């Protein structure tokens, strides 16, 4: 069964969760040809610190916005 995301809020949430997935992969050591997702996240969301701190702060931001549940 396919899921259709067709609202601006849903599309935005999907993008933010996709970025989170890329951050997780980079944190585990995978590198992407198009450049570092960490650099993009640090610039776009004005986050500072190490890779782990940026990831943790980004996840906290998603929780605050109600996009990510508290695991």
PDB file of N, CA and C in Angstrom:
ATOM      1  N   UNK A   1       0.840  -1.162   0.000  1.00  0.00           N
ATOM      2  CA  UNK A   1       0.000   0.000   0.000  1.00  0.00           C
ATOM      3  C   UNK A   1       0.895   1.238   0.000  1.00  0.00           C
ATOM      4  N   UNK A   2       0.571   2.198  -0.825  1.00  0.00           N
ATOM      5  CA  UNK A   2       1.352   3.421  -0.940  1.00  0.00           C
ATOM      6  C   UNK A   2       0.756   4.506  -0.051  1.00  0.00           C
ATOM      7  N   UNK A   3       1.609   5.384   0.416  1.00  0.00           N
ATOM      8  CA  UNK A   3       1.184   6.542   1.188  1.00  0.00           C
ATOM      9  C   UNK A   3       1.438   7.779   0.355  1.00  0.00           C
ATOM     10  N   UNK A   4       0.445   8.651   0.306  1.00  0.00           N
ATOM     11  CA  UNK A   4       0.565   9.889  -0.458  1.00  0.00           C
ATOM     12  C   UNK A   4       0.672  11.053   0.515  1.00  0.00           C
ATOM     13  N   UNK A   5       1.713  11.831   0.363  1.00  0.00           N
ATOM     14  CA  UNK A   5       1.878  13.039   1.171  1.00  0.00           C
ATOM     15  C   UNK A   5       1.644  14.200   0.215  1.00  0.00           C
ATOM     16  N   UNK A   6       0.531  14.896   0.392  1.00  0.00           N
ATOM     17  CA  UNK A   6       0.187  15.940  -0.570  1.00  0.00           C
ATOM     18  C   UNK A   6      -0.143  17.282   0.069  1.00  0.00           C
ATOM     19  N   UNK A   7       0.216  17.469   1.326  1.00  0.00           N
ATOM     20  CA  UNK A   7       0.017  18.776   1.949  1.00  0.00           C
ATOM     21  C   UNK A   7       1.377  19.435   2.131  1.00  0.00           C
ATOM     22  N   UNK A   8       1.424  20.749   2.120  1.00  0.00           N
ATOM     23  CA  UNK A   8       2.715  21.421   2.335  1.00  0.00           C
ATOM     24  C   UNK A   8       3.364  21.041   3.669  1.00  0.00           C
ATOM     25  N   UNK A   9       2.554  20.874   4.713  1.00  0.00           N
ATOM     26  CA  UNK A   9       3.098  20.498   6.019  1.00  0.00           C
ATOM     27  C   UNK A   9       3.677  19.082   5.975  1.00  0.00           C
ATOM     28  N   UNK A  10       2.985  18.184   5.301  1.00  0.00           N
ATOM     29  CA  UNK A  10       3.458  16.810   5.184  1.00  0.00           C
ATOM     30  C   UNK A  10       4.738  16.707   4.381  1.00  0.00           C
ATOM     31  N   UNK A  11       4.807  17.473   3.303  1.00  0.00           N
ATOM     32  CA  UNK A  11       6.011  17.469   2.464  1.00  0.00           C
ATOM     33  C   UNK A  11       7.194  18.034   3.239  1.00  0.00           C
ATOM     34  N   UNK A  12       6.967  19.102   3.989  1.00  0.00           N
ATOM     35  CA  UNK A  12       8.023  19.698   4.804  1.00  0.00           C
ATOM     36  C   UNK A  12       8.496  18.725   5.875  1.00  0.00           C
ATOM     37  N   UNK A  13       7.565  18.047   6.528  1.00  0.00           N
ATOM     38  CA  UNK A  13       7.918  17.076   7.564  1.00  0.00           C
ATOM     39  C   UNK A  13       8.713  15.919   6.959  1.00  0.00           C
ATOM     40  N   UNK A  14       8.312  15.449   5.787  1.00  0.00           N
ATOM     41  CA  UNK A  14       9.036  14.359   5.127  1.00  0.00           C
ATOM     42  C   UNK A  14      10.464  14.789   4.804  1.00  0.00           C
ATOM     43  N   UNK A  15      10.640  16.009   4.334  1.00  0.00           N
ATOM     44  CA  UNK A  15      11.975  16.523   4.024  1.00  0.00           C
ATOM     45  C   UNK A  15      12.845  16.541   5.286  1.00  0.00           C
ATOM     46  N   UNK A  16      12.290  17.046   6.382  1.00  0.00           N
ATOM     47  CA  UNK A  16      13.060  17.127   7.618  1.00  0.00           C
ATOM     48  C   UNK A  16      13.431  15.740   8.147  1.00  0.00           C
ATOM     49  N   UNK A  17      12.525  14.783   8.020  1.00  0.00           N
ATOM     50  CA  UNK A  17      12.829  13.418   8.452  1.00  0.00           C
ATOM     51  C   UNK A  17      13.845  12.751   7.525  1.00  0.00           C
ATOM     52  N   UNK A  18      13.803  13.086   6.242  1.00  0.00           N
ATOM     53  CA  UNK A  18      14.803  12.557   5.304  1.00  0.00           C
ATOM     54  C   UNK A  18      16.192  13.081   5.646  1.00  0.00           C
ATOM     55  N   UNK A  19      16.257  14.346   6.017  1.00  0.00           N
ATOM     56  CA  UNK A  19      17.531  14.939   6.436  1.00  0.00           C
ATOM     57  C   UNK A  19      18.043  14.217   7.673  1.00  0.00           C
ATOM     58  N   UNK A  20      17.147  13.907   8.603  1.00  0.00           N
ATOM     59  CA  UNK A  20      17.534  13.174   9.816  1.00  0.00           C
ATOM     60  C   UNK A  20      18.135  11.819   9.450  1.00  0.00           C
ATOM     61  N   UNK A  21      17.532  11.144   8.491  1.00  0.00           N
ATOM     62  CA  UNK A  21      18.064   9.854   8.047  1.00  0.00           C
ATOM     63  C   UNK A  21      19.453   9.976   7.464  1.00  0.00           C
ATOM     64  N   UNK A  22      19.676  11.012   6.663  1.00  0.00           N
ATOM     65  CA  UNK A  22      21.014  11.237   6.104  1.00  0.00           C
ATOM     66  C   UNK A  22      22.027  11.543   7.202  1.00  0.00           C
ATOM     67  N   UNK A  23      21.590  12.319   8.212  1.00  0.00           N
ATOM     68  CA  UNK A  23      22.487  12.617   9.332  1.00  0.00           C
ATOM     69  C   UNK A  23      22.885  11.338  10.061  1.00  0.00           C
ATOM     70  N   UNK A  24      21.928  10.446  10.267  1.00  0.00           N
ATOM     71  CA  UNK A  24      22.230   9.166  10.931  1.00  0.00           C
ATOM     72  C   UNK A  24      23.254   8.369  10.127  1.00  0.00           C
ATOM     73  N   UNK A  25      23.079   8.334   8.812  1.00  0.00           N
ATOM     74  CA  UNK A  25      24.018   7.590   7.972  1.00  0.00           C
ATOM     75  C   UNK A  25      25.406   8.212   8.001  1.00  0.00           C
ATOM     76  N   UNK A  26      25.481   9.537   7.971  1.00  0.00           N
ATOM     77  CA  UNK A  26      26.780  10.201   8.043  1.00  0.00           C
ATOM     78  C   UNK A  26      27.428   9.986   9.401  1.00  0.00           C
ATOM     79  N   UNK A  27      26.616   9.946  10.446  1.00  0.00           N
ATOM     80  CA  UNK A  27      27.148   9.712  11.783  1.00  0.00           C
ATOM     81  C   UNK A  27      27.776   8.326  11.888  1.00  0.00           C
ATOM     82  N   UNK A  28      27.228   7.369  11.150  1.00  0.00           N
ATOM     83  CA  UNK A  28      27.784   6.013  11.172  1.00  0.00           C
ATOM     84  C   UNK A  28      28.961   5.844  10.211  1.00  0.00           C
ATOM     85  N   UNK A  29      29.295   6.890   9.449  1.00  0.00           N
ATOM     86  CA  UNK A  29      30.483   6.844   8.614  1.00  0.00           C
ATOM     87  C   UNK A  29      30.251   6.918   7.114  1.00  0.00           C
ATOM     88  N   UNK A  30      29.020   6.854   6.661  1.00  0.00           N
ATOM     89  CA  UNK A  30      28.736   6.907   5.237  1.00  0.00           C
ATOM     90  C   UNK A  30      28.934   8.330   4.715  1.00  0.00           C
ATOM     91  N   UNK A  31      29.495   8.450   3.541  1.00  0.00           N
ATOM     92  CA  UNK A  31      29.704   9.762   2.911  1.00  0.00           C
ATOM     93  C   UNK A  31      28.887   9.826   1.632  1.00  0.00           C
ATOM     94  N   UNK A  32      28.339  10.998   1.336  1.00  0.00           N
ATOM     95  CA  UNK A  32      27.530  11.199   0.139  1.00  0.00           C
ATOM     96  C   UNK A  32      28.310  12.011  -0.887  1.00  0.00           C
ATOM     97  N   UNK A  33      28.072  11.715  -2.139  1.00  0.00           N
ATOM     98  CA  UNK A  33      28.781  12.379  -3.227  1.00  0.00           C
ATOM     99  C   UNK A  33      28.436  13.871  -3.302  1.00  0.00           C
ATOM    100  N   UNK A  34      27.209  14.228  -2.982  1.00  0.00           N
ATOM    101  CA  UNK A  34      26.752  15.611  -3.109  1.00  0.00           C
ATOM    102  C   UNK A  34      27.221  16.536  -2.016  1.00  0.00           C
ATOM    103  N   UNK A  35      27.942  16.038  -1.045  1.00  0.00           N
ATOM    104  CA  UNK A  35      28.420  16.878   0.041  1.00  0.00           C
ATOM    105  C   UNK A  35      27.838  16.454   1.370  1.00  0.00           C
ATOM    106  N   UNK A  36      28.299  17.111   2.395  1.00  0.00           N
ATOM    107  CA  UNK A  36      27.935  16.747   3.750  1.00  0.00           C
ATOM    108  C   UNK A  36      26.577  17.323   4.140  1.00  0.00           C
ATOM    109  N   UNK A  37      25.725  16.462   4.651  1.00  0.00           N
ATOM    110  CA  UNK A  37      24.435  16.906   5.161  1.00  0.00           C
ATOM    111  C   UNK A  37      24.640  17.722   6.426  1.00  0.00           C
ATOM    112  N   UNK A  38      25.664  17.407   7.206  1.00  0.00           N
ATOM    113  CA  UNK A  38      25.933  18.153   8.425  1.00  0.00           C
ATOM    114  C   UNK A  38      26.209  19.618   8.125  1.00  0.00           C
ATOM    115  N   UNK A  39      26.953  19.897   7.069  1.00  0.00           N
ATOM    116  CA  UNK A  39      27.234  21.280   6.701  1.00  0.00           C
ATOM    117  C   UNK A  39      25.941  22.002   6.345  1.00  0.00           C
ATOM    118  N   UNK A  40      25.080  21.343   5.601  1.00  0.00           N
ATOM    119  CA  UNK A  40      23.801  21.942   5.203  1.00  0.00           C
ATOM    120  C   UNK A  40      22.934  22.211   6.427  1.00  0.00           C
ATOM    121  N   UNK A  41      22.847  21.238   7.339  1.00  0.00           N
ATOM    122  CA  UNK A  41      22.015  21.394   8.535  1.00  0.00           C
ATOM    123  C   UNK A  41      22.562  22.497   9.428  1.00  0.00           C
ATOM    124  N   UNK A  42      23.885  22.518   9.607  1.00  0.00           N
ATOM    125  CA  UNK A  42      24.482  23.559  10.444  1.00  0.00           C
ATOM    126  C   UNK A  42      24.187  24.943   9.875  1.00  0.00           C
ATOM    127  N   UNK A  43      24.253  25.078   8.575  1.00  0.00           N
ATOM    128  CA  UNK A  43      24.008  26.368   7.936  1.00  0.00           C
ATOM    129  C   UNK A  43      22.526  26.731   7.963  1.00  0.00           C
ATOM    130  N   UNK A  44      21.655  25.797   7.586  1.00  0.00           N
ATOM    131  CA  UNK A  44      20.226  26.088   7.459  1.00  0.00           C
ATOM    132  C   UNK A  44      19.543  26.310   8.808  1.00  0.00           C
ATOM    133  N   UNK A  45      19.961  25.557   9.829  1.00  0.00           N
ATOM    134  CA  UNK A  45      19.285  25.634  11.123  1.00  0.00           C
ATOM    135  C   UNK A  45      20.151  26.297  12.192  1.00  0.00           C
ATOM    136  N   UNK A  46      21.286  26.840  11.792  1.00  0.00           N
ATOM    137  CA  UNK A  46      22.189  27.584  12.676  1.00  0.00           C
ATOM    138  C   UNK A  46      22.580  26.764  13.904  1.00  0.00           C
ATOM    139  N   UNK A  47      22.992  25.524  13.673  1.00  0.00           N
ATOM    140  CA  UNK A  47      23.426  24.644  14.748  1.00  0.00           C
ATOM    141  C   UNK A  47      24.943  24.635  14.809  1.00  0.00           C
ATOM    142  N   UNK A  48      25.471  24.447  15.992  1.00  0.00           N
ATOM    143  CA  UNK A  48      26.915  24.455  16.201  1.00  0.00           C
ATOM    144  C   UNK A  48      27.331  23.203  16.949  1.00  0.00           C
ATOM    145  N   UNK A  49      28.583  22.800  16.778  1.00  0.00           N
ATOM    146  CA  UNK A  49      29.137  21.703  17.554  1.00  0.00           C
ATOM    147  C   UNK A  49      29.567  20.530  16.705  1.00  0.00           C
ATOM    148  N   UNK A  50      29.809  19.426  17.399  1.00  0.00           N
ATOM    149  CA  UNK A  50      30.271  18.199  16.753  1.00  0.00           C
ATOM    150  C   UNK A  50      29.128  17.546  15.980  1.00  0.00           C
ATOM    151  N   UNK A  51      29.460  16.509  15.244  1.00  0.00           N
ATOM    152  CA  UNK A  51      28.434  15.793  14.484  1.00  0.00           C
ATOM    153  C   UNK A  51      27.344  15.236  15.401  1.00  0.00           C
ATOM    154  N   UNK A  52      27.749  14.658  16.532  1.00  0.00           N
ATOM    155  CA  UNK A  52      26.771  14.088  17.459  1.00  0.00           C
ATOM    156  C   UNK A  52      25.894  15.174  18.068  1.00  0.00           C
ATOM    157  N   UNK A  53      26.486  16.311  18.424  1.00  0.00           N
ATOM    158  CA  UNK A  53      25.717  17.410  19.020  1.00  0.00           C
ATOM    159  C   UNK A  53      24.738  17.994  18.008  1.00  0.00           C
ATOM    160  N   UNK A  54      25.175  18.155  16.771  1.00  0.00           N
ATOM    161  CA  UNK A  54      24.282  18.661  15.725  1.00  0.00           C
ATOM    162  C   UNK A  54      23.118  17.700  15.525  1.00  0.00           C
ATOM    163  N   UNK A  55      23.408  16.412  15.494  1.00  0.00           N
ATOM    164  CA  UNK A  55      22.349  15.413  15.337  1.00  0.00           C
ATOM    165  C   UNK A  55      21.363  15.471  16.502  1.00  0.00           C
ATOM    166  N   UNK A  56      21.877  15.521  17.726  1.00  0.00           N
ATOM    167  CA  UNK A  56      21.013  15.580  18.906  1.00  0.00           C
ATOM    168  C   UNK A  56      20.163  16.852  18.916  1.00  0.00           C
ATOM    169  N   UNK A  57      20.771  17.990  18.592  1.00  0.00           N
ATOM    170  CA  UNK A  57      20.025  19.253  18.554  1.00  0.00           C
ATOM    171  C   UNK A  57      18.972  19.245  17.455  1.00  0.00           C
ATOM    172  N   UNK A  58      19.302  18.639  16.315  1.00  0.00           N
ATOM    173  CA  UNK A  58      18.348  18.561  15.210  1.00  0.00           C
ATOM    174  C   UNK A  58      17.150  17.690  15.596  1.00  0.00           C
ATOM    175  N   UNK A  59      17.421  16.556  16.240  1.00  0.00           N
ATOM    176  CA  UNK A  59      16.325  15.687  16.694  1.00  0.00           C
ATOM    177  C   UNK A  59      15.464  16.394  17.734  1.00  0.00           C
ATOM    178  N   UNK A  60      16.088  17.149  18.631  1.00  0.00           N
ATOM    179  CA  UNK A  60      15.333  17.916  19.629  1.00  0.00           C
ATOM    180  C   UNK A  60      14.439  18.948  18.942  1.00  0.00           C
ATOM    181  N   UNK A  61      14.955  19.582  17.891  1.00  0.00           N
ATOM    182  CA  UNK A  61      14.159  20.555  17.147  1.00  0.00           C
ATOM    183  C   UNK A  61      12.946  19.874  16.500  1.00  0.00           C
ATOM    184  N   UNK A  62      13.153  18.683  15.943  1.00  0.00           N
ATOM    185  CA  UNK A  62      12.040  17.955  15.336  1.00  0.00           C
ATOM    186  C   UNK A  62      11.004  17.565  16.384  1.00  0.00           C
ATOM    187  N   UNK A  63      11.450  17.193  17.576  1.00  0.00           N
ATOM    188  CA  UNK A  63      10.512  16.857  18.657  1.00  0.00           C
ATOM    189  C   UNK A  63       9.703  18.083  19.069  1.00  0.00           C
ATOM    190  N   UNK A  64      10.369  19.233  19.162  1.00  0.00           N
ATOM    191  CA  UNK A  64       9.676  20.471  19.528  1.00  0.00           C
ATOM    192  C   UNK A  64       8.604  20.828  18.506  1.00  0.00           C
ATOM    193  N   UNK A  65       8.867  20.561  17.252  1.00  0.00           N
ATOM    194  CA  UNK A  65       7.906  20.859  16.188  1.00  0.00           C
ATOM    195  C   UNK A  65       6.818  19.799  16.059  1.00  0.00           C
ATOM    196  N   UNK A  66       6.944  18.712  16.798  1.00  0.00           N
ATOM    197  CA  UNK A  66       5.951  17.643  16.752  1.00  0.00           C
ATOM    198  C   UNK A  66       6.103  16.720  15.566  1.00  0.00           C
ATOM    199  N   UNK A  67       7.261  16.751  14.916  1.00  0.00           N
ATOM    200  CA  UNK A  67       7.507  15.919  13.742  1.00  0.00           C
ATOM    201  C   UNK A  67       8.052  14.549  14.156  1.00  0.00           C
ATOM    202  N   UNK A  68       8.818  14.539  15.230  1.00  0.00           N
ATOM    203  CA  UNK A  68       9.457  13.318  15.725  1.00  0.00           C
ATOM    204  C   UNK A  68       8.899  13.026  17.102  1.00  0.00           C
ATOM    205  N   UNK A  69       8.526  11.780  17.333  1.00  0.00           N
ATOM    206  CA  UNK A  69       7.984  11.421  18.643  1.00  0.00           C
ATOM    207  C   UNK A  69       9.105  11.214  19.627  1.00  0.00           C
ATOM    208  N   UNK A  70       8.792  11.305  20.896  1.00  0.00           N
ATOM    209  CA  UNK A  70       9.781  11.046  21.950  1.00  0.00           C
ATOM    210  C   UNK A  70       9.979   9.555  22.079  1.00  0.00           C
ATOM    211  N   UNK A  71      11.162   9.096  21.681  1.00  0.00           N
ATOM    212  CA  UNK A  71      11.451   7.647  21.702  1.00  0.00           C
ATOM    213  C   UNK A  71      11.843   7.187  23.062  1.00  0.00           C
TER     214      UNK A  71
END
